[in-house]
PDB file of all heavy atoms in Angstrom:
ATOM      1  N   VAL A   1       1.637  39.458 -52.572  1.00  0.00           N
ATOM      2  CA  VAL A   1       1.075  38.766 -51.415  1.00  0.00           C
ATOM      3  C   VAL A   1       1.801  39.319 -50.214  1.00  0.00           C
ATOM      4  O   VAL A   1       3.016  39.298 -50.139  1.00  0.00           O
ATOM      5  CB  VAL A   1       1.265  37.263 -51.506  1.00  0.00           C
ATOM      6  CG1 VAL A   1       0.796  36.589 -50.256  1.00  0.00           C
ATOM      7  CG2 VAL A   1       0.555  36.689 -52.725  1.00  0.00           C
ATOM      8  N   CYS A   2       1.037  39.862 -49.248  1.00  0.00           N
ATOM      9  CA  CYS A   2       1.644  40.501 -48.065  1.00  0.00           C
ATOM     10  C   CYS A   2       1.338  39.713 -46.810  1.00  0.00           C
ATOM     11  O   CYS A   2       0.233  39.191 -46.670  1.00  0.00           O
ATOM     12  CB  CYS A   2       1.168  41.924 -47.903  1.00  0.00           C
ATOM     13  SG  CYS A   2       1.704  42.993 -49.236  1.00  0.00           S
ATOM     14  N   CYS A   3       2.324  39.628 -45.920  1.00  0.00           N
ATOM     15  CA  CYS A   3       2.141  38.917 -44.657  1.00  0.00           C
ATOM     16  C   CYS A   3       1.282  39.807 -43.729  1.00  0.00           C
ATOM     17  O   CYS A   3       1.599  40.962 -43.550  1.00  0.00           O
ATOM     18  CB  CYS A   3       3.493  38.665 -44.023  1.00  0.00           C
ATOM     19  SG  CYS A   3       3.411  37.919 -42.381  1.00  0.00           S
ATOM     20  N   PRO A   4       0.223  39.242 -43.129  1.00  0.00           N
ATOM     21  CA  PRO A   4      -0.612  40.037 -42.205  1.00  0.00           C
ATOM     22  C   PRO A   4       0.091  40.370 -40.859  1.00  0.00           C
ATOM     23  O   PRO A   4      -0.359  41.275 -40.195  1.00  0.00           O
ATOM     24  CB  PRO A   4      -1.836  39.177 -42.013  1.00  0.00           C
ATOM     25  CG  PRO A   4      -1.402  37.792 -42.299  1.00  0.00           C
ATOM     26  CD  PRO A   4      -0.294  37.907 -43.310  1.00  0.00           C
ATOM     27  N   ARG A   5       1.171  39.658 -40.577  1.00  0.00           N
ATOM     28  CA  ARG A   5       1.838  39.855 -39.320  1.00  0.00           C
ATOM     29  C   ARG A   5       2.958  40.894 -39.373  1.00  0.00           C
ATOM     30  O   ARG A   5       3.029  41.819 -38.598  1.00  0.00           O
ATOM     31  CB  ARG A   5       2.427  38.532 -38.831  1.00  0.00           C
ATOM     32  CG  ARG A   5       3.066  38.623 -37.472  1.00  0.00           C
ATOM     33  CD  ARG A   5       3.411  37.235 -36.954  1.00  0.00           C
ATOM     34  NE  ARG A   5       4.090  37.374 -35.695  1.00  0.00           N
ATOM     35  CZ  ARG A   5       5.122  36.640 -35.368  1.00  0.00           C
ATOM     36  NH1 ARG A   5       5.606  35.719 -36.197  1.00  0.00           N
ATOM     37  NH2 ARG A   5       5.737  36.782 -34.207  1.00  0.00           N
ATOM     38  N   CYS A   6       3.862  40.757 -40.377  1.00  0.00           N
ATOM     39  CA  CYS A   6       5.005  41.649 -40.453  1.00  0.00           C
ATOM     40  C   CYS A   6       5.012  42.567 -41.676  1.00  0.00           C
ATOM     41  O   CYS A   6       5.959  43.321 -41.871  1.00  0.00           O
ATOM     42  CB  CYS A   6       6.297  40.845 -40.406  1.00  0.00           C
ATOM     43  SG  CYS A   6       6.672  39.916 -41.903  1.00  0.00           S
ATOM     44  N   SER A   7       3.996  42.463 -42.535  1.00  0.00           N
ATOM     45  CA  SER A   7       3.864  43.239 -43.736  1.00  0.00           C
ATOM     46  C   SER A   7       4.912  42.976 -44.811  1.00  0.00           C
ATOM     47  O   SER A   7       5.129  43.798 -45.698  1.00  0.00           O
ATOM     48  CB  SER A   7       3.823  44.743 -43.392  1.00  0.00           C
ATOM     49  OG  SER A   7       2.726  44.993 -42.550  1.00  0.00           O
ATOM     50  N   PHE A   8       5.613  41.864 -44.739  1.00  0.00           N
ATOM     51  CA  PHE A   8       6.544  41.471 -45.778  1.00  0.00           C
ATOM     52  C   PHE A   8       5.742  41.159 -47.013  1.00  0.00           C
ATOM     53  O   PHE A   8       4.704  40.510 -46.946  1.00  0.00           O
ATOM     54  CB  PHE A   8       7.370  40.225 -45.333  1.00  0.00           C
ATOM     55  CG  PHE A   8       8.190  39.640 -46.432  1.00  0.00           C
ATOM     56  CD1 PHE A   8       9.413  40.200 -46.769  1.00  0.00           C
ATOM     57  CD2 PHE A   8       7.759  38.501 -47.095  1.00  0.00           C
ATOM     58  CE1 PHE A   8      10.194  39.644 -47.792  1.00  0.00           C
ATOM     59  CE2 PHE A   8       8.542  37.932 -48.120  1.00  0.00           C
ATOM     60  CZ  PHE A   8       9.763  38.509 -48.451  1.00  0.00           C
ATOM     61  N   CYS A   9       6.187  41.655 -48.231  1.00  0.00           N
ATOM     62  CA  CYS A   9       5.416  41.413 -49.434  1.00  0.00           C
ATOM     63  C   CYS A   9       6.321  40.681 -50.450  1.00  0.00           C
ATOM     64  O   CYS A   9       7.516  40.899 -50.494  1.00  0.00           O
ATOM     65  CB  CYS A   9       4.981  42.740 -50.037  1.00  0.00           C
ATOM     66  SG  CYS A   9       3.686  43.513 -49.069  1.00  0.00           S
ATOM     67  N   ILE A  10       5.699  39.824 -51.205  1.00  0.00           N
ATOM     68  CA  ILE A  10       6.363  39.101 -52.254  1.00  0.00           C
ATOM     69  C   ILE A  10       5.533  39.207 -53.515  1.00  0.00           C
ATOM     70  O   ILE A  10       4.311  39.071 -53.463  1.00  0.00           O
ATOM     71  CB  ILE A  10       6.601  37.646 -51.864  1.00  0.00           C
ATOM     72  CG1 ILE A  10       7.436  36.896 -52.927  1.00  0.00           C
ATOM     73  CG2 ILE A  10       5.334  36.884 -51.616  1.00  0.00           C
ATOM     74  CD1 ILE A  10       7.945  35.529 -52.444  1.00  0.00           C
ATOM     75  N   PRO A  11       6.155  39.489 -54.662  1.00  0.00           N
ATOM     76  CA  PRO A  11       5.369  39.598 -55.920  1.00  0.00           C
ATOM     77  C   PRO A  11       4.748  38.250 -56.330  1.00  0.00           C
ATOM     78  O   PRO A  11       5.355  37.200 -56.130  1.00  0.00           O
ATOM     79  CB  PRO A  11       6.419  40.017 -56.952  1.00  0.00           C
ATOM     80  CG  PRO A  11       7.579  40.489 -56.186  1.00  0.00           C
ATOM     81  CD  PRO A  11       7.550  39.829 -54.859  1.00  0.00           C
ATOM     82  N   VAL A  12       3.542  38.261 -56.820  1.00  0.00           N
ATOM     83  CA  VAL A  12       2.829  37.078 -57.263  1.00  0.00           C
ATOM     84  C   VAL A  12       3.610  36.364 -58.362  1.00  0.00           C
ATOM     85  O   VAL A  12       3.593  35.162 -58.500  1.00  0.00           O
ATOM     86  CB  VAL A  12       1.403  37.405 -57.711  1.00  0.00           C
ATOM     87  CG1 VAL A  12       0.706  36.184 -58.300  1.00  0.00           C
ATOM     88  CG2 VAL A  12       0.617  37.933 -56.525  1.00  0.00           C
ATOM     89  N   ALA A  13       4.368  37.142 -59.128  1.00  0.00           N
ATOM     90  CA  ALA A  13       5.169  36.572 -60.232  1.00  0.00           C
ATOM     91  C   ALA A  13       6.137  35.514 -59.723  1.00  0.00           C
ATOM     92  O   ALA A  13       6.455  34.575 -60.418  1.00  0.00           O
ATOM     93  CB  ALA A  13       5.902  37.666 -60.996  1.00  0.00           C
ATOM     94  N   GLU A  14       6.653  35.685 -58.500  1.00  0.00           N
ATOM     95  CA  GLU A  14       7.606  34.734 -57.920  1.00  0.00           C
ATOM     96  C   GLU A  14       6.928  33.419 -57.507  1.00  0.00           C
ATOM     97  O   GLU A  14       7.589  32.406 -57.388  1.00  0.00           O
ATOM     98  CB  GLU A  14       8.352  35.353 -56.723  1.00  0.00           C
ATOM     99  CG  GLU A  14       9.325  36.406 -57.104  1.00  0.00           C
ATOM    100  CD  GLU A  14      10.124  36.917 -55.934  1.00  0.00           C
ATOM    101  OE1 GLU A  14      10.364  36.132 -54.985  1.00  0.00           O
ATOM    102  OE2 GLU A  14      10.515  38.089 -55.975  1.00  0.00           O
ATOM    103  N   ILE A  15       5.622  33.467 -57.276  1.00  0.00           N
ATOM    104  CA  ILE A  15       4.912  32.257 -56.911  1.00  0.00           C
ATOM    105  C   ILE A  15       4.003  31.795 -58.023  1.00  0.00           C
ATOM    106  O   ILE A  15       3.176  30.894 -57.846  1.00  0.00           O
ATOM    107  CB  ILE A  15       4.098  32.383 -55.610  1.00  0.00           C
ATOM    108  CG1 ILE A  15       3.493  33.763 -55.432  1.00  0.00           C
ATOM    109  CG2 ILE A  15       4.831  31.974 -54.420  1.00  0.00           C
ATOM    110  CD1 ILE A  15       2.692  33.939 -54.185  1.00  0.00           C
ATOM    111  N   SER A  16       4.170  32.346 -59.212  1.00  0.00           N
ATOM    112  CA  SER A  16       3.258  32.019 -60.296  1.00  0.00           C
ATOM    113  C   SER A  16       3.465  30.600 -60.808  1.00  0.00           C
ATOM    114  O   SER A  16       2.608  30.046 -61.479  1.00  0.00           O
ATOM    115  CB  SER A  16       3.414  33.002 -61.475  1.00  0.00           C
ATOM    116  OG  SER A  16       4.720  32.938 -61.985  1.00  0.00           O
ATOM    117  N   GLY A  17       4.572  29.947 -60.479  1.00  0.00           N
ATOM    118  CA  GLY A  17       4.784  28.581 -60.904  1.00  0.00           C
ATOM    119  C   GLY A  17       3.968  27.578 -60.121  1.00  0.00           C
ATOM    120  O   GLY A  17       3.856  26.419 -60.493  1.00  0.00           O
ATOM    121  N   GLN A  18       3.393  28.007 -59.007  1.00  0.00           N
ATOM    122  CA  GLN A  18       2.553  27.092 -58.203  1.00  0.00           C
ATOM    123  C   GLN A  18       1.104  27.219 -58.605  1.00  0.00           C
ATOM    124  O   GLN A  18       0.644  28.307 -58.930  1.00  0.00           O
ATOM    125  CB  GLN A  18       2.677  27.452 -56.700  1.00  0.00           C
ATOM    126  CG  GLN A  18       4.045  27.226 -56.148  1.00  0.00           C
ATOM    127  CD  GLN A  18       4.018  27.472 -54.638  1.00  0.00           C
ATOM    128  OE1 GLN A  18       3.066  27.989 -54.079  1.00  0.00           O
ATOM    129  NE2 GLN A  18       5.132  27.162 -53.972  1.00  0.00           N
ATOM    130  N   GLU A  19       0.423  26.111 -58.584  1.00  0.00           N
ATOM    131  CA  GLU A  19      -1.003  26.099 -58.875  1.00  0.00           C
ATOM    132  C   GLU A  19      -1.725  26.121 -57.548  1.00  0.00           C
ATOM    133  O   GLU A  19      -1.421  25.315 -56.636  1.00  0.00           O
ATOM    134  CB  GLU A  19      -1.339  24.796 -59.635  1.00  0.00           C
ATOM    135  CG  GLU A  19      -2.547  24.955 -60.523  1.00  0.00           C
ATOM    136  CD  GLU A  19      -2.690  23.761 -61.440  1.00  0.00           C
ATOM    137  OE1 GLU A  19      -1.778  23.478 -62.198  1.00  0.00           O
ATOM    138  OE2 GLU A  19      -3.773  23.116 -61.317  1.00  0.00           O
ATOM    139  N   ILE A  20      -2.683  27.014 -57.392  1.00  0.00           N
ATOM    140  CA  ILE A  20      -3.403  27.187 -56.130  1.00  0.00           C
ATOM    141  C   ILE A  20      -4.872  26.824 -56.349  1.00  0.00           C
ATOM    142  O   ILE A  20      -5.513  27.314 -57.265  1.00  0.00           O
ATOM    143  CB  ILE A  20      -3.274  28.633 -55.626  1.00  0.00           C
ATOM    144  CG1 ILE A  20      -1.798  28.975 -55.359  1.00  0.00           C
ATOM    145  CG2 ILE A  20      -4.116  28.822 -54.381  1.00  0.00           C
ATOM    146  CD1 ILE A  20      -1.582  30.429 -55.077  1.00  0.00           C
ATOM    147  N   HIS A  21      -5.347  25.899 -55.518  1.00  0.00           N
ATOM    148  CA  HIS A  21      -6.747  25.480 -55.569  1.00  0.00           C
ATOM    149  C   HIS A  21      -7.354  25.689 -54.186  1.00  0.00           C
ATOM    150  O   HIS A  21      -6.667  25.479 -53.177  1.00  0.00           O
ATOM    151  CB  HIS A  21      -6.871  24.002 -55.934  1.00  0.00           C
ATOM    152  CG  HIS A  21      -6.360  23.638 -57.241  1.00  0.00           C
ATOM    153  ND1 HIS A  21      -7.080  23.842 -58.418  1.00  0.00           N
ATOM    154  CD2 HIS A  21      -5.170  23.111 -57.631  1.00  0.00           C
ATOM    155  CE1 HIS A  21      -6.367  23.452 -59.456  1.00  0.00           C
ATOM    156  NE2 HIS A  21      -5.184  23.001 -59.015  1.00  0.00           N
ATOM    157  N   SER A  22      -8.584  26.102 -54.135  1.00  0.00           N
ATOM    158  CA  SER A  22      -9.270  26.205 -52.841  1.00  0.00           C
ATOM    159  C   SER A  22     -10.650  25.626 -52.978  1.00  0.00           C
ATOM    160  O   SER A  22     -11.267  25.727 -54.035  1.00  0.00           O
ATOM    161  CB  SER A  22      -9.341  27.646 -52.346  1.00  0.00           C
ATOM    162  OG  SER A  22     -10.107  28.429 -53.240  1.00  0.00           O
ATOM    163  N   THR A  23     -11.109  24.975 -51.926  1.00  0.00           N
ATOM    164  CA  THR A  23     -12.378  24.280 -51.944  1.00  0.00           C
ATOM    165  C   THR A  23     -13.114  24.641 -50.618  1.00  0.00           C
ATOM    166  O   THR A  23     -12.502  24.641 -49.552  1.00  0.00           O
ATOM    167  CB  THR A  23     -12.217  22.772 -52.014  1.00  0.00           C
ATOM    168  OG1 THR A  23     -11.417  22.477 -53.150  1.00  0.00           O
ATOM    169  CG2 THR A  23     -13.544  22.097 -52.146  1.00  0.00           C
ATOM    170  N   VAL A  24     -14.389  24.899 -50.719  1.00  0.00           N
ATOM    171  CA  VAL A  24     -15.227  25.122 -49.530  1.00  0.00           C
ATOM    172  C   VAL A  24     -16.098  23.914 -49.357  1.00  0.00           C
ATOM    173  O   VAL A  24     -16.850  23.549 -50.295  1.00  0.00           O
ATOM    174  CB  VAL A  24     -16.060  26.423 -49.680  1.00  0.00           C
ATOM    175  CG1 VAL A  24     -16.965  26.592 -48.464  1.00  0.00           C
ATOM    176  CG2 VAL A  24     -15.182  27.621 -49.875  1.00  0.00           C
ATOM    177  N   ILE A  25     -16.030  23.288 -48.193  1.00  0.00           N
ATOM    178  CA  ILE A  25     -16.839  22.113 -47.911  1.00  0.00           C
ATOM    179  C   ILE A  25     -17.730  22.405 -46.730  1.00  0.00           C
ATOM    180  O   ILE A  25     -17.236  22.772 -45.668  1.00  0.00           O
ATOM    181  CB  ILE A  25     -15.933  20.874 -47.606  1.00  0.00           C
ATOM    182  CG1 ILE A  25     -15.043  20.567 -48.789  1.00  0.00           C
ATOM    183  CG2 ILE A  25     -16.802  19.675 -47.234  1.00  0.00           C
ATOM    184  CD1 ILE A  25     -14.019  19.483 -48.517  1.00  0.00           C
ATOM    185  N   PHE A  26     -19.020  22.304 -46.937  1.00  0.00           N
ATOM    186  CA  PHE A  26     -19.960  22.541 -45.850  1.00  0.00           C
ATOM    187  C   PHE A  26     -20.342  21.234 -45.240  1.00  0.00           C
ATOM    188  O   PHE A  26     -20.569  20.236 -45.902  1.00  0.00           O
ATOM    189  CB  PHE A  26     -21.235  23.214 -46.434  1.00  0.00           C
ATOM    190  CG  PHE A  26     -20.987  24.597 -46.967  1.00  0.00           C
ATOM    191  CD1 PHE A  26     -20.834  24.801 -48.332  1.00  0.00           C
ATOM    192  CD2 PHE A  26     -20.893  25.653 -46.103  1.00  0.00           C
ATOM    193  CE1 PHE A  26     -20.641  26.083 -48.838  1.00  0.00           C
ATOM    194  CE2 PHE A  26     -20.668  26.918 -46.593  1.00  0.00           C
ATOM    195  CZ  PHE A  26     -20.524  27.158 -47.941  1.00  0.00           C
ATOM    196  N   SER A  27     -20.377  21.221 -43.920  1.00  0.00           N
ATOM    197  CA  SER A  27     -20.787  20.054 -43.155  1.00  0.00           C
ATOM    198  C   SER A  27     -22.303  19.897 -43.286  1.00  0.00           C
ATOM    199  O   SER A  27     -23.006  20.883 -43.392  1.00  0.00           O
ATOM    200  CB  SER A  27     -20.436  20.194 -41.689  1.00  0.00           C
ATOM    201  OG  SER A  27     -19.028  20.334 -41.556  1.00  0.00           O
ATOM    202  N   PRO A  28     -22.791  18.645 -43.265  1.00  0.00           N
ATOM    203  CA  PRO A  28     -24.262  18.479 -43.353  1.00  0.00           C
ATOM    204  C   PRO A  28     -24.920  19.080 -42.125  1.00  0.00           C
ATOM    205  O   PRO A  28     -24.375  19.012 -41.028  1.00  0.00           O
ATOM    206  CB  PRO A  28     -24.450  16.973 -43.436  1.00  0.00           C
ATOM    207  CG  PRO A  28     -23.197  16.390 -42.924  1.00  0.00           C
ATOM    208  CD  PRO A  28     -22.092  17.402 -43.173  1.00  0.00           C
ATOM    209  N   MET A  29     -26.072  19.648 -42.316  1.00  0.00           N
ATOM    210  CA  MET A  29     -26.783  20.290 -41.229  1.00  0.00           C
ATOM    211  C   MET A  29     -27.328  19.230 -40.303  1.00  0.00           C
ATOM    212  O   MET A  29     -27.955  18.273 -40.743  1.00  0.00           O
ATOM    213  CB  MET A  29     -27.938  21.119 -41.793  1.00  0.00           C
ATOM    214  CG  MET A  29     -28.251  22.309 -41.003  1.00  0.00           C
ATOM    215  SD  MET A  29     -29.355  23.315 -41.987  1.00  0.00           S
ATOM    216  CE  MET A  29     -30.211  24.080 -40.685  1.00  0.00           C
ATOM    217  N   GLU A  30     -27.043  19.368 -39.021  1.00  0.00           N
ATOM    218  CA  GLU A  30     -27.546  18.400 -38.009  1.00  0.00           C
ATOM    219  C   GLU A  30     -29.040  18.623 -37.809  1.00  0.00           C
ATOM    220  O   GLU A  30     -29.537  19.706 -37.961  1.00  0.00           O
ATOM    221  CB  GLU A  30     -26.794  18.538 -36.694  1.00  0.00           C
ATOM    222  CG  GLU A  30     -25.341  18.186 -36.780  1.00  0.00           C
ATOM    223  CD  GLU A  30     -24.680  18.334 -35.421  1.00  0.00           C
ATOM    224  OE1 GLU A  30     -25.364  18.290 -34.381  1.00  0.00           O
ATOM    225  OE2 GLU A  30     -23.467  18.495 -35.432  1.00  0.00           O
TER     226      GLU A  30
END
């Protein structure tokens, strides 16, 4: 995972203990 600002990178293995969830919620159409 690389920072878009300073290009610092960290291996995913170091954050593999965290569970990551993402959800897309659409607003109702007016």
